[in-house]
C-alpha atoms as a PDB file:
ATOM      1  CA  MET A   1       0.000   0.000   0.000  1.00  0.00           C
ATOM      2  CA  ASN A   2       1.276   3.379  -0.827  1.00  0.00           C
ATOM      3  CA  ALA A   3       1.325   6.410   1.469  1.00  0.00           C
ATOM      4  CA  ALA A   4      -1.573   8.112  -0.263  1.00  0.00           C
ATOM      5  CA  ALA A   5      -3.828   5.137   0.279  1.00  0.00           C
ATOM      6  CA  ILE A   6      -2.898   4.992   3.938  1.00  0.00           C
ATOM      7  CA  VAL A   7      -3.613   8.717   4.379  1.00  0.00           C
ATOM      8  CA  VAL A   8      -6.966   8.370   2.628  1.00  0.00           C
ATOM      9  CA  THR A   9      -7.849   5.338   4.759  1.00  0.00           C
ATOM     10  CA  VAL A  10      -6.883   7.131   7.985  1.00  0.00           C
ATOM     11  CA  VAL A  11      -8.708  10.336   6.989  1.00  0.00           C
ATOM     12  CA  GLY A  12     -11.754   8.297   5.932  1.00  0.00           C
ATOM     13  CA  SER A  13     -11.731   6.438   9.240  1.00  0.00           C
ATOM     14  CA  LEU A  14     -11.440   9.708  11.178  1.00  0.00           C
ATOM     15  CA  LEU A  15     -14.278  11.246   9.197  1.00  0.00           C
ATOM     16  CA  THR A  16     -16.366   8.128   9.837  1.00  0.00           C
ATOM     17  CA  LEU A  17     -15.714   8.413  13.596  1.00  0.00           C
ATOM     18  CA  VAL A  18     -16.654  12.114  13.539  1.00  0.00           C
ATOM     19  CA  GLY A  19     -19.823  11.287  11.606  1.00  0.00           C
ATOM     20  CA  VAL A  20     -20.742   8.513  14.032  1.00  0.00           C
ATOM     21  CA  SER A  21     -20.126  10.903  16.936  1.00  0.00           C
ATOM     22  CA  PHE A  22     -22.384  13.573  15.409  1.00  0.00           C
ATOM     23  CA  THR A  23     -25.021  10.962  14.602  1.00  0.00           C
ATOM     24  CA  ALA A  24     -24.954   9.626  18.175  1.00  0.00           C
ATOM     25  CA  ARG A  25     -25.296  13.130  19.626  1.00  0.00           C
ATOM     26  CA  ALA A  26     -28.122  13.954  17.244  1.00  0.00           C
ATOM     27  CA  THR A  27     -29.889  10.690  18.091  1.00  0.00           C
ATOM     28  CA  THR A  28     -29.555  11.396  21.818  1.00  0.00           C
ATOM     29  CA  ARG A  29     -30.952  14.905  21.405  1.00  0.00           C
ATOM     30  CA  ALA A  30     -33.789  13.616  19.256  1.00  0.00           C
ATOM     31  CA  ALA A  31     -34.631  11.024  21.917  1.00  0.00           C
ATOM     32  CA  GLN A  32     -34.623  13.727  24.601  1.00  0.00           C
ATOM     33  CA  ALA A  33     -36.874  15.941  22.495  1.00  0.00           C
ATOM     34  CA  THR A  34     -39.221  13.015  21.884  1.00  0.00           C
ATOM     35  CA  ALA A  35     -39.327  12.254  25.612  1.00  0.00           C
ATOM     36  CA  ARG A  36     -40.176  15.896  26.392  1.00  0.00           C
ATOM     37  CA  ALA A  37     -42.893  15.874  23.733  1.00  0.00           C
ATOM     38  CA  ASN A  38     -44.334  12.617  25.093  1.00  0.00           C
ATOM     39  CA  THR A  39     -44.354  14.036  28.630  1.00  0.00           C
ATOM     40  CA  ALA A  40     -46.131  17.192  27.458  1.00  0.00           C
ATOM     41  CA  ALA A  41     -48.661  15.143  25.512  1.00  0.00           C
ATOM     42  CA  ALA A  42     -49.324  12.916  28.532  1.00  0.00           C
ATOM     43  CA  GLN A  43     -49.857  15.951  30.757  1.00  0.00           C
ATOM     44  CA  ALA A  44     -52.189  17.522  28.224  1.00  0.00           C
ATOM     45  CA  ALA A  45     -54.155  14.286  27.945  1.00  0.00           C
ATOM     46  CA  ALA A  46     -54.320  13.856  31.729  1.00  0.00           C
ATOM     47  CA  GLU A  47     -55.566  17.385  32.418  1.00  0.00           C
ATOM     48  CA  PRO A  48     -59.191  16.809  31.311  1.00  0.00           C
ATOM     49  CA  ASN A  49     -59.261  13.574  33.310  1.00  0.00           C
ATOM     50  CA  GLN A  50     -57.926  15.401  36.360  1.00  0.00           C
ATOM     51  CA  ARG A  51     -60.518  18.140  35.933  1.00  0.00           C
ATOM     52  CA  ALA A  52     -63.258  15.532  35.696  1.00  0.00           C
ATOM     53  CA  ALA A  53     -61.968  13.841  38.857  1.00  0.00           C
ATOM     54  CA  ASP A  54     -61.806  17.211  40.652  1.00  0.00           C
ATOM     55  CA  LEU A  55     -65.358  18.016  39.560  1.00  0.00           C
ATOM     56  CA  ALA A  56     -66.638  14.644  40.768  1.00  0.00           C
ATOM     57  CA  ALA A  57     -64.940  15.136  44.148  1.00  0.00           C
ATOM     58  CA  PHE A  58     -66.357  18.651  44.410  1.00  0.00           C
ATOM     59  CA  GLN A  59     -69.855  17.402  43.617  1.00  0.00           C
ATOM     60  CA  VAL A  60     -69.628  14.743  46.346  1.00  0.00           C
ATOM     61  CA  ILE A  61     -68.432  17.332  48.866  1.00  0.00           C
ATOM     62  CA  ARG A  62     -71.161  19.765  47.814  1.00  0.00           C
ATOM     63  CA  SER A  63     -73.831  17.069  48.107  1.00  0.00           C
ATOM     64  CA  ASP A  64     -72.629  16.178  51.605  1.00  0.00           C
ATOM     65  CA  MET A  65     -72.641  19.843  52.602  1.00  0.00           C
ATOM     66  CA  GLN A  66     -76.138  20.363  51.178  1.00  0.00           C
ATOM     67  CA  GLU A  67     -77.411  17.400  53.216  1.00  0.00           C
ATOM     68  CA  GLU A  68     -75.756  18.739  56.351  1.00  0.00           C
ATOM     69  CA  ILE A  69     -77.191  22.225  55.759  1.00  0.00           C
ATOM     70  CA  GLU A  70     -80.678  20.767  55.300  1.00  0.00           C
ATOM     71  CA  GLU A  71     -80.316  18.785  58.534  1.00  0.00           C
ATOM     72  CA  LEU A  72     -79.242  21.948  60.370  1.00  0.00           C
ATOM     73  CA  ARG A  73     -82.203  23.881  58.945  1.00  0.00           C
ATOM     74  CA  THR A  74     -84.592  21.156  60.086  1.00  0.00           C
ATOM     75  CA  GLU A  75     -83.011  21.144  63.534  1.00  0.00           C
ATOM     76  CA  THR A  76     -83.223  24.942  63.732  1.00  0.00           C
ATOM     77  CA  ARG A  77     -86.927  24.900  62.800  1.00  0.00           C
ATOM     78  CA  SER A  78     -87.545  22.263  65.460  1.00  0.00           C
ATOM     79  CA  MET A  79     -85.677  24.253  68.108  1.00  0.00           C
ATOM     80  CA  ARG A  80     -87.569  27.451  67.239  1.00  0.00           C
ATOM     81  CA  SER A  81     -90.848  25.576  67.529  1.00  0.00           C
ATOM     82  CA  LEU A  82     -89.792  24.148  70.892  1.00  0.00           C
ATOM     83  CA  VAL A  83     -88.741  27.568  72.206  1.00  0.00           C
ATOM     84  CA  ARG A  84     -92.043  29.114  71.098  1.00  0.00           C
ATOM     85  CA  SER A  85     -94.041  26.279  72.691  1.00  0.00           C
ATOM     86  CA  PHE A  86     -92.036  26.515  75.881  1.00  0.00           C
ATOM     87  CA  ALA A  87     -92.458  30.307  75.962  1.00  0.00           C
ATOM     88  CA  GLY A  88     -96.238  29.893  75.655  1.00  0.00           C
ATOM     89  CA  TYR A  89     -96.234  27.265  78.403  1.00  0.00           C
ATOM     90  CA  VAL A  90     -94.244  29.502  80.738  1.00  0.00           C
ATOM     91  CA  LEU A  91     -96.616  32.392  79.972  1.00  0.00           C
ATOM     92  CA  ASP A  92     -99.578  30.194  80.947  1.00  0.00           C
ATOM     93  CA  LEU A  93     -97.877  29.165  84.190  1.00  0.00           C
ATOM     94  CA  THR A  94     -96.974  32.777  84.941  1.00  0.00           C
ATOM     95  CA  THR A  95    -100.585  33.819  84.362  1.00  0.00           C
ATOM     96  CA  GLN A  96    -101.846  31.053  86.699  1.00  0.00           C
ATOM     97  CA  MET A  97     -99.371  32.092  89.388  1.00  0.00           C
ATOM     98  CA  ARG A  98    -100.563  35.699  89.199  1.00  0.00           C
ATOM     99  CA  GLN A  99    -104.218  34.604  89.311  1.00  0.00           C
ATOM    100  CA  HIS A 100    -103.428  32.842  92.600  1.00  0.00           C
ATOM    101  CA  GLY A 101    -101.674  35.895  94.030  1.00  0.00           C
ATOM    102  CA  ILE A 102     -98.128  34.628  93.509  1.00  0.00           C
ATOM    103  CA  GLU A 103     -95.663  36.960  91.811  1.00  0.00           C
ATOM    104  CA  PRO A 104     -93.279  34.879  89.667  1.00  0.00           C
ATOM    105  CA  PRO A 105     -89.588  35.708  89.675  1.00  0.00           C
ATOM    106  CA  ALA A 106     -88.332  38.044  86.942  1.00  0.00           C
ATOM    107  CA  PRO A 107     -87.157  36.152  83.886  1.00  0.00           C
ATOM    108  CA  PRO A 108     -83.486  36.154  82.914  1.00  0.00           C
ATOM    109  CA  ALA A 109     -82.404  38.993  80.616  1.00  0.00           C
ATOM    110  CA  ARG A 110     -82.179  36.692  77.587  1.00  0.00           C
ATOM    111  CA  VAL A 111     -85.752  35.462  78.120  1.00  0.00           C
ATOM    112  CA  ASP A 112     -86.962  39.042  78.523  1.00  0.00           C
ATOM    113  CA  GLU A 113     -85.193  39.952  75.254  1.00  0.00           C
ATOM    114  CA  TYR A 114     -86.846  36.988  73.492  1.00  0.00           C
ATOM    115  CA  ASN A 115     -90.262  38.057  74.807  1.00  0.00           C
ATOM    116  CA  ARG A 116     -89.711  41.562  73.472  1.00  0.00           C
ATOM    117  CA  THR A 117     -88.122  40.730  70.095  1.00  0.00           C
ATOM    118  CA  GLY A 118     -89.142  37.156  69.325  1.00  0.00           C
ATOM    119  CA  VAL A 119     -85.520  36.337  68.529  1.00  0.00           C
END
């Protein structure tokens, strides 16, 4: 083999190594870009599912709260009715005591306020 052939072979081999190196780097970068794109696509696809899951959870919480609010309203109505009935009963007893010449003790301030305002 002559010197020119050896130089061409060595230069060709070096150029091949450089090409392989560039190809490997480009392939690695392309794989990284593909991975980033796949991650972004997965996040974009998951977002509507996450929103649907959040909405379902919110609806369950809201339903539970609505039930609890309705129970509290019912309890409040019952307590108001009881207080009004009890106030009428106490008024009747107070009237009977006065008819028999007995002066009942003064009601507590809160009871007096309820008798005046109804609240």
